[in-house]
Structures are given as structure tokens and as C-alpha cells.
Amino acid sequence: MNDKSDTKEQDSLSELEHEVLRNQGTERAFTGEYWDCKTDGVYSCRGCGKPLFSSKTKYDSGTGWPSFYEPLDEESIGTQEDRSLDRIRTEVHCSSCKGHLGHVFSDGPEPTGLRFCINSASLKLAEDESDD
């Protein structure tokens, strides 16, 4: 768990970022910074900086949120059952600070068949500077 106090986190996060990361909120579809981003790099948790997803696994799911078919590694994220909205879903959170990221669904592309549907407000992109 991240050592920052809730007050300090609020000071470093925008209102929307705090609502998503700390209160399990959701940004509106097709409004987030990264939903249609094609830039190469690594997406980290906006709450604590932990690397979470690579742009190499990002794809256009048509949902209006950044979607990835796998995390950087199994230890990057955690999951738990979410029974809000009168249905059962699987919430995805940062394994380090426990910040809410979004949800994972089993309707994604190969090779995993998963769709990690993630809020832009919970991510920060570090662009790849390499020339490959």
C-alpha cells in the first residue's frame, strides 16, 4: 500500500483522477486522454507511478476507454469482484497503491482473450524515446 496520506494524494491528483483512483469512479467514454492514443511507451499508475501496461498490448476495443490485452506482468495489477451496477464484474487495481484502474473482461483479442478496460485518469504515459 502506498504511504501517502489521503490528503496528500488529493493534493497531487486532479478531482477526476482522485474520483477514479480512490473512489472507484469512471470517466465518460471517449473523453479520456488516452482512449485513442497511438503513442509508444509504458502506461503507469497515476497514483503511485508503478508501470502497468505497454502500448504494445494496447488496442482499439471501440469502447471509448484505453484497452489492453495484458498487463506488463502479473504482479503489476490486482483484481477483485465488483458487484456494483447490479452485475458482477472484475475490478482491476494497481497492486502497489490499490488505486482503481478499471475492469477486465473476457472478450478481448488473442493471445489472451482479455480486455483490460482502463480509465485514462488512472494512467500516465511515459513515451518511448527509442528509434526502433
N, C-alpha and C. Protein backbone atom coordinates (compact mmCIF):
# COMPACT_ATOMS: atom_id res chain seq x y z
N MET A 1 0.84 -1.17 0.00
CA MET A 1 0.00 0.00 0.00
C MET A 1 0.89 1.24 0.00
N ASN A 2 0.50 2.22 -0.72
CA ASN A 2 1.24 3.46 -0.81
C ASN A 2 1.22 4.18 0.53
N ASP A 3 2.31 4.84 0.90
CA ASP A 3 2.43 5.51 2.19
C ASP A 3 1.81 6.91 2.20
N LYS A 4 1.43 7.45 1.06
CA LYS A 4 0.85 8.79 1.02
C LYS A 4 -0.44 8.85 1.81
N SER A 5 -0.65 9.94 2.52
CA SER A 5 -1.94 10.12 3.19
C SER A 5 -2.98 10.52 2.16
N ASP A 6 -4.25 10.30 2.48
CA ASP A 6 -5.32 10.65 1.55
C ASP A 6 -5.28 12.12 1.19
N THR A 7 -4.97 12.99 2.16
CA THR A 7 -4.90 14.43 1.90
C THR A 7 -3.79 14.75 0.91
N LYS A 8 -2.62 14.16 1.10
CA LYS A 8 -1.51 14.40 0.19
C LYS A 8 -1.84 13.90 -1.21
N GLU A 9 -2.49 12.74 -1.31
CA GLU A 9 -2.89 12.21 -2.61
C GLU A 9 -3.83 13.17 -3.31
N GLN A 10 -4.80 13.71 -2.57
CA GLN A 10 -5.75 14.64 -3.17
C GLN A 10 -5.03 15.86 -3.72
N ASP A 11 -3.97 16.31 -3.04
CA ASP A 11 -3.22 17.47 -3.50
C ASP A 11 -2.48 17.19 -4.80
N SER A 12 -2.06 15.93 -5.04
CA SER A 12 -1.30 15.62 -6.24
C SER A 12 -2.16 15.07 -7.38
N LEU A 13 -3.43 14.82 -7.14
CA LEU A 13 -4.33 14.29 -8.16
C LEU A 13 -5.41 15.32 -8.47
N SER A 14 -5.83 15.35 -9.73
CA SER A 14 -6.97 16.20 -10.09
C SER A 14 -8.23 15.62 -9.45
N GLU A 15 -9.30 16.37 -9.50
CA GLU A 15 -10.57 15.89 -8.94
C GLU A 15 -11.00 14.59 -9.62
N LEU A 16 -10.92 14.53 -10.96
CA LEU A 16 -11.31 13.33 -11.69
C LEU A 16 -10.38 12.16 -11.37
N GLU A 17 -9.07 12.41 -11.33
CA GLU A 17 -8.11 11.35 -11.02
C GLU A 17 -8.39 10.77 -9.63
N HIS A 18 -8.66 11.63 -8.67
CA HIS A 18 -8.97 11.17 -7.31
C HIS A 18 -10.27 10.37 -7.30
N GLU A 19 -11.29 10.85 -8.00
CA GLU A 19 -12.58 10.15 -8.05
C GLU A 19 -12.40 8.75 -8.64
N VAL A 20 -11.62 8.62 -9.70
CA VAL A 20 -11.41 7.31 -10.34
C VAL A 20 -10.52 6.42 -9.48
N LEU A 21 -9.34 6.90 -9.13
CA LEU A 21 -8.36 6.07 -8.42
C LEU A 21 -8.77 5.71 -7.00
N ARG A 22 -9.36 6.64 -6.27
CA ARG A 22 -9.62 6.41 -4.85
C ARG A 22 -11.08 6.10 -4.52
N ASN A 23 -12.00 6.46 -5.43
CA ASN A 23 -13.43 6.22 -5.16
C ASN A 23 -14.08 5.29 -6.17
N GLN A 24 -13.27 4.57 -6.96
CA GLN A 24 -13.75 3.62 -7.97
C GLN A 24 -14.69 4.26 -8.98
N GLY A 25 -14.44 5.52 -9.32
CA GLY A 25 -15.23 6.21 -10.32
C GLY A 25 -14.86 5.78 -11.72
N THR A 26 -15.56 6.32 -12.69
CA THR A 26 -15.30 6.03 -14.11
C THR A 26 -15.44 7.31 -14.91
N GLU A 27 -14.49 7.55 -15.79
CA GLU A 27 -14.61 8.69 -16.70
C GLU A 27 -15.59 8.34 -17.81
N ARG A 28 -16.17 9.34 -18.43
CA ARG A 28 -17.09 9.08 -19.54
C ARG A 28 -16.32 8.52 -20.74
N ALA A 29 -16.96 7.63 -21.47
CA ALA A 29 -16.36 7.03 -22.66
C ALA A 29 -16.00 8.11 -23.67
N PHE A 30 -14.91 7.90 -24.39
CA PHE A 30 -14.42 8.77 -25.46
C PHE A 30 -14.03 10.17 -24.98
N THR A 31 -13.74 10.33 -23.68
CA THR A 31 -13.33 11.64 -23.17
C THR A 31 -11.93 11.63 -22.57
N GLY A 32 -11.39 10.48 -22.24
CA GLY A 32 -10.09 10.39 -21.57
C GLY A 32 -8.93 10.70 -22.49
N GLU A 33 -7.83 11.08 -21.88
CA GLU A 33 -6.62 11.47 -22.60
C GLU A 33 -6.06 10.37 -23.50
N TYR A 34 -6.21 9.11 -23.13
CA TYR A 34 -5.53 8.03 -23.83
C TYR A 34 -6.43 7.07 -24.60
N TRP A 35 -7.73 7.29 -24.67
CA TRP A 35 -8.61 6.30 -25.31
C TRP A 35 -8.23 6.03 -26.75
N ASP A 36 -7.74 7.06 -27.48
CA ASP A 36 -7.35 6.85 -28.88
C ASP A 36 -5.87 7.14 -29.12
N CYS A 37 -5.08 7.15 -28.06
CA CYS A 37 -3.65 7.43 -28.15
C CYS A 37 -2.92 6.29 -28.85
N LYS A 38 -2.04 6.63 -29.77
CA LYS A 38 -1.26 5.64 -30.52
C LYS A 38 0.24 5.75 -30.21
N THR A 39 0.60 6.55 -29.22
CA THR A 39 1.99 6.79 -28.86
C THR A 39 2.60 5.57 -28.18
N ASP A 40 3.84 5.21 -28.57
CA ASP A 40 4.55 4.10 -27.96
C ASP A 40 5.06 4.50 -26.58
N GLY A 41 5.00 3.57 -25.64
CA GLY A 41 5.52 3.82 -24.31
C GLY A 41 4.92 2.89 -23.28
N VAL A 42 5.10 3.26 -22.03
CA VAL A 42 4.61 2.47 -20.90
C VAL A 42 3.62 3.32 -20.11
N TYR A 43 2.47 2.73 -19.82
CA TYR A 43 1.43 3.37 -19.02
C TYR A 43 1.63 2.96 -17.57
N SER A 44 1.78 3.97 -16.69
CA SER A 44 1.98 3.74 -15.26
C SER A 44 0.78 4.23 -14.48
N CYS A 45 0.69 3.81 -13.23
CA CYS A 45 -0.36 4.26 -12.33
C CYS A 45 -0.15 5.74 -12.01
N ARG A 46 -1.17 6.54 -12.22
CA ARG A 46 -1.08 7.97 -11.92
C ARG A 46 -1.02 8.20 -10.41
N GLY A 47 -1.47 7.24 -9.63
CA GLY A 47 -1.46 7.38 -8.18
C GLY A 47 -0.11 7.17 -7.54
N CYS A 48 0.68 6.24 -8.09
CA CYS A 48 1.96 5.91 -7.45
C CYS A 48 3.13 5.75 -8.41
N GLY A 49 2.87 5.69 -9.71
CA GLY A 49 3.95 5.58 -10.69
C GLY A 49 4.33 4.16 -11.08
N LYS A 50 3.68 3.15 -10.54
CA LYS A 50 4.02 1.76 -10.88
C LYS A 50 3.71 1.49 -12.35
N PRO A 51 4.67 0.96 -13.13
CA PRO A 51 4.42 0.59 -14.52
C PRO A 51 3.36 -0.52 -14.60
N LEU A 52 2.38 -0.34 -15.49
CA LEU A 52 1.24 -1.27 -15.55
C LEU A 52 1.04 -1.94 -16.91
N PHE A 53 1.06 -1.15 -17.98
CA PHE A 53 0.73 -1.67 -19.32
C PHE A 53 1.69 -1.11 -20.36
N SER A 54 1.96 -1.88 -21.39
CA SER A 54 2.76 -1.43 -22.52
C SER A 54 1.85 -1.02 -23.67
N SER A 55 2.25 -0.02 -24.40
CA SER A 55 1.50 0.38 -25.60
C SER A 55 1.46 -0.76 -26.62
N LYS A 56 2.39 -1.69 -26.51
CA LYS A 56 2.43 -2.83 -27.44
C LYS A 56 1.23 -3.75 -27.27
N THR A 57 0.57 -3.69 -26.11
CA THR A 57 -0.60 -4.53 -25.87
C THR A 57 -1.90 -3.72 -25.88
N LYS A 58 -1.82 -2.48 -26.29
CA LYS A 58 -3.00 -1.60 -26.37
C LYS A 58 -3.68 -1.82 -27.72
N TYR A 59 -4.99 -1.78 -27.72
CA TYR A 59 -5.73 -1.94 -28.98
C TYR A 59 -7.03 -1.15 -28.91
N ASP A 60 -7.64 -0.92 -30.04
CA ASP A 60 -8.90 -0.19 -30.12
C ASP A 60 -10.06 -1.16 -29.95
N SER A 61 -10.68 -1.13 -28.77
CA SER A 61 -11.79 -2.03 -28.47
C SER A 61 -13.13 -1.44 -28.90
N GLY A 62 -13.12 -0.16 -29.28
CA GLY A 62 -14.36 0.50 -29.67
C GLY A 62 -15.21 0.95 -28.49
N THR A 63 -14.68 0.81 -27.27
CA THR A 63 -15.46 1.13 -26.07
C THR A 63 -15.32 2.58 -25.62
N GLY A 64 -14.26 3.27 -26.06
CA GLY A 64 -14.03 4.64 -25.63
C GLY A 64 -13.11 4.78 -24.45
N TRP A 65 -12.52 3.66 -24.00
CA TRP A 65 -11.51 3.68 -22.93
C TRP A 65 -10.27 2.98 -23.45
N PRO A 66 -9.09 3.33 -22.92
CA PRO A 66 -7.89 2.58 -23.31
C PRO A 66 -8.08 1.11 -22.97
N SER A 67 -7.76 0.25 -23.91
CA SER A 67 -7.91 -1.19 -23.71
C SER A 67 -6.60 -1.89 -24.01
N PHE A 68 -6.27 -2.86 -23.19
CA PHE A 68 -5.04 -3.64 -23.30
C PHE A 68 -5.41 -5.11 -23.18
N TYR A 69 -4.63 -5.98 -23.86
CA TYR A 69 -4.94 -7.40 -23.73
C TYR A 69 -4.11 -8.10 -22.65
N GLU A 70 -3.13 -7.40 -22.05
CA GLU A 70 -2.42 -7.95 -20.91
C GLU A 70 -1.63 -6.85 -20.20
N PRO A 71 -1.39 -7.02 -18.88
CA PRO A 71 -0.56 -6.08 -18.14
C PRO A 71 0.92 -6.34 -18.42
N LEU A 72 1.78 -5.45 -17.96
CA LEU A 72 3.22 -5.66 -18.12
C LEU A 72 3.65 -6.99 -17.52
N ASP A 73 3.15 -7.28 -16.33
CA ASP A 73 3.39 -8.58 -15.70
C ASP A 73 2.27 -8.84 -14.70
N GLU A 74 2.17 -10.05 -14.25
CA GLU A 74 1.09 -10.46 -13.34
C GLU A 74 1.10 -9.70 -12.02
N GLU A 75 2.28 -9.23 -11.60
CA GLU A 75 2.40 -8.53 -10.33
C GLU A 75 2.05 -7.05 -10.43
N SER A 76 1.84 -6.53 -11.63
CA SER A 76 1.53 -5.10 -11.82
C SER A 76 0.15 -4.72 -11.30
N ILE A 77 -0.77 -5.65 -11.45
CA ILE A 77 -2.16 -5.35 -11.11
C ILE A 77 -2.73 -6.38 -10.15
N GLY A 78 -3.84 -6.01 -9.55
CA GLY A 78 -4.62 -6.93 -8.75
C GLY A 78 -6.05 -6.88 -9.24
N THR A 79 -6.83 -7.87 -8.89
CA THR A 79 -8.24 -7.89 -9.27
C THR A 79 -9.10 -8.26 -8.08
N GLN A 80 -10.35 -7.86 -8.15
CA GLN A 80 -11.33 -8.27 -7.14
C GLN A 80 -12.72 -8.18 -7.74
N GLU A 81 -13.64 -8.92 -7.15
CA GLU A 81 -15.02 -8.92 -7.62
C GLU A 81 -15.67 -7.57 -7.36
N ASP A 82 -16.42 -7.08 -8.34
CA ASP A 82 -17.15 -5.82 -8.24
C ASP A 82 -18.62 -6.12 -8.52
N ARG A 83 -19.47 -5.90 -7.52
CA ARG A 83 -20.90 -6.18 -7.66
C ARG A 83 -21.73 -4.89 -7.79
N SER A 84 -21.07 -3.78 -8.10
CA SER A 84 -21.82 -2.54 -8.31
C SER A 84 -22.58 -2.61 -9.63
N LEU A 85 -23.50 -1.72 -9.83
CA LEU A 85 -24.31 -1.66 -11.06
C LEU A 85 -25.14 -2.92 -11.28
N ASP A 86 -25.47 -3.63 -10.20
CA ASP A 86 -26.33 -4.81 -10.26
C ASP A 86 -25.83 -5.91 -11.19
N ARG A 87 -24.52 -6.02 -11.31
CA ARG A 87 -23.95 -7.13 -12.07
C ARG A 87 -22.57 -7.43 -11.50
N ILE A 88 -22.06 -8.59 -11.83
CA ILE A 88 -20.75 -8.99 -11.33
C ILE A 88 -19.71 -8.72 -12.41
N ARG A 89 -18.68 -7.96 -12.04
CA ARG A 89 -17.56 -7.66 -12.92
C ARG A 89 -16.28 -7.90 -12.15
N THR A 90 -15.15 -7.83 -12.85
CA THR A 90 -13.86 -7.96 -12.19
C THR A 90 -13.14 -6.62 -12.27
N GLU A 91 -12.97 -6.01 -11.08
CA GLU A 91 -12.27 -4.73 -11.00
C GLU A 91 -10.76 -4.97 -11.10
N VAL A 92 -10.06 -4.04 -11.73
CA VAL A 92 -8.61 -4.06 -11.82
C VAL A 92 -8.08 -2.89 -11.01
N HIS A 93 -7.07 -3.16 -10.17
CA HIS A 93 -6.45 -2.08 -9.41
C HIS A 93 -4.93 -2.23 -9.44
N CYS A 94 -4.24 -1.13 -9.14
CA CYS A 94 -2.78 -1.13 -9.04
C CYS A 94 -2.37 -1.99 -7.86
N SER A 95 -1.44 -2.88 -8.06
CA SER A 95 -1.02 -3.77 -6.98
C SER A 95 -0.23 -3.03 -5.91
N SER A 96 0.29 -1.87 -6.23
CA SER A 96 1.08 -1.12 -5.27
C SER A 96 0.24 -0.21 -4.38
N CYS A 97 -0.51 0.73 -4.98
CA CYS A 97 -1.28 1.69 -4.18
C CYS A 97 -2.75 1.33 -4.07
N LYS A 98 -3.16 0.27 -4.75
CA LYS A 98 -4.55 -0.22 -4.76
C LYS A 98 -5.51 0.73 -5.46
N GLY A 99 -4.99 1.67 -6.23
CA GLY A 99 -5.84 2.59 -6.97
C GLY A 99 -6.67 1.87 -8.03
N HIS A 100 -7.94 2.27 -8.14
CA HIS A 100 -8.85 1.69 -9.13
C HIS A 100 -8.39 2.09 -10.53
N LEU A 101 -8.30 1.10 -11.41
CA LEU A 101 -7.89 1.34 -12.80
C LEU A 101 -9.06 1.19 -13.77
N GLY A 102 -9.87 0.18 -13.57
CA GLY A 102 -10.97 -0.12 -14.48
C GLY A 102 -11.45 -1.54 -14.23
N HIS A 103 -11.77 -2.25 -15.32
CA HIS A 103 -12.27 -3.62 -15.22
C HIS A 103 -11.64 -4.47 -16.30
N VAL A 104 -11.68 -5.78 -16.11
CA VAL A 104 -11.19 -6.72 -17.11
C VAL A 104 -12.34 -7.62 -17.52
N PHE A 105 -12.43 -7.87 -18.83
CA PHE A 105 -13.50 -8.67 -19.43
C PHE A 105 -12.88 -9.76 -20.29
N SER A 106 -13.62 -10.81 -20.54
CA SER A 106 -13.11 -11.96 -21.31
C SER A 106 -13.51 -11.90 -22.79
N ASP A 107 -13.62 -10.69 -23.33
CA ASP A 107 -13.98 -10.54 -24.75
C ASP A 107 -12.89 -9.84 -25.55
N GLY A 108 -11.65 -10.00 -25.13
CA GLY A 108 -10.53 -9.35 -25.80
C GLY A 108 -9.93 -10.20 -26.90
N PRO A 109 -8.90 -9.65 -27.55
CA PRO A 109 -8.25 -10.36 -28.67
C PRO A 109 -7.25 -11.41 -28.19
N GLU A 110 -6.82 -12.23 -29.11
CA GLU A 110 -5.72 -13.16 -28.83
C GLU A 110 -4.46 -12.33 -28.66
N PRO A 111 -3.48 -12.75 -27.89
CA PRO A 111 -3.32 -14.11 -27.42
C PRO A 111 -3.98 -14.40 -26.07
N THR A 112 -4.51 -13.40 -25.36
CA THR A 112 -5.04 -13.65 -24.02
C THR A 112 -6.55 -13.79 -23.97
N GLY A 113 -7.25 -13.17 -24.92
CA GLY A 113 -8.71 -13.17 -24.87
C GLY A 113 -9.26 -12.21 -23.83
N LEU A 114 -8.39 -11.37 -23.25
CA LEU A 114 -8.82 -10.44 -22.21
C LEU A 114 -8.86 -9.01 -22.72
N ARG A 115 -9.74 -8.22 -22.12
CA ARG A 115 -9.82 -6.77 -22.41
C ARG A 115 -9.75 -6.04 -21.08
N PHE A 116 -8.58 -5.46 -20.82
CA PHE A 116 -8.42 -4.61 -19.66
C PHE A 116 -8.89 -3.22 -20.07
N CYS A 117 -10.06 -2.84 -19.61
CA CYS A 117 -10.71 -1.58 -19.96
C CYS A 117 -10.36 -0.59 -18.84
N ILE A 118 -9.46 0.35 -19.13
CA ILE A 118 -8.82 1.16 -18.10
C ILE A 118 -9.14 2.65 -18.29
N ASN A 119 -9.38 3.34 -17.20
CA ASN A 119 -9.63 4.78 -17.23
C ASN A 119 -8.34 5.54 -17.51
N SER A 120 -8.38 6.47 -18.46
CA SER A 120 -7.22 7.32 -18.73
C SER A 120 -6.80 8.08 -17.49
N ALA A 121 -7.76 8.49 -16.66
CA ALA A 121 -7.47 9.28 -15.47
C ALA A 121 -6.60 8.52 -14.46
N SER A 122 -6.53 7.21 -14.57
CA SER A 122 -5.71 6.43 -13.64
C SER A 122 -4.33 6.13 -14.23
N LEU A 123 -4.06 6.58 -15.45
CA LEU A 123 -2.81 6.27 -16.13
C LEU A 123 -1.97 7.51 -16.41
N LYS A 124 -0.67 7.28 -16.56
CA LYS A 124 0.27 8.31 -17.00
C LYS A 124 1.20 7.63 -17.99
N LEU A 125 1.29 8.18 -19.22
CA LEU A 125 2.11 7.58 -20.27
C LEU A 125 3.52 8.15 -20.26
N ALA A 126 4.51 7.27 -20.21
CA ALA A 126 5.91 7.64 -20.42
C ALA A 126 6.24 7.21 -21.84
N GLU A 127 6.40 8.20 -22.71
CA GLU A 127 6.65 7.91 -24.12
C GLU A 127 7.98 7.21 -24.32
N ASP A 128 7.98 6.28 -25.29
CA ASP A 128 9.19 5.56 -25.67
C ASP A 128 10.04 6.48 -26.53
N GLU A 129 11.26 6.74 -26.10
CA GLU A 129 12.17 7.66 -26.81
C GLU A 129 13.08 6.94 -27.80
N SER A 130 13.01 5.61 -27.87
CA SER A 130 13.91 4.86 -28.75
C SER A 130 13.55 5.06 -30.21
N ASP A 131 14.52 4.77 -31.07
CA ASP A 131 14.35 4.95 -32.52
C ASP A 131 14.17 3.63 -33.24
N ASP A 132 13.59 2.62 -32.59
CA ASP A 132 13.42 1.34 -33.30
C ASP A 132 12.13 1.36 -33.99
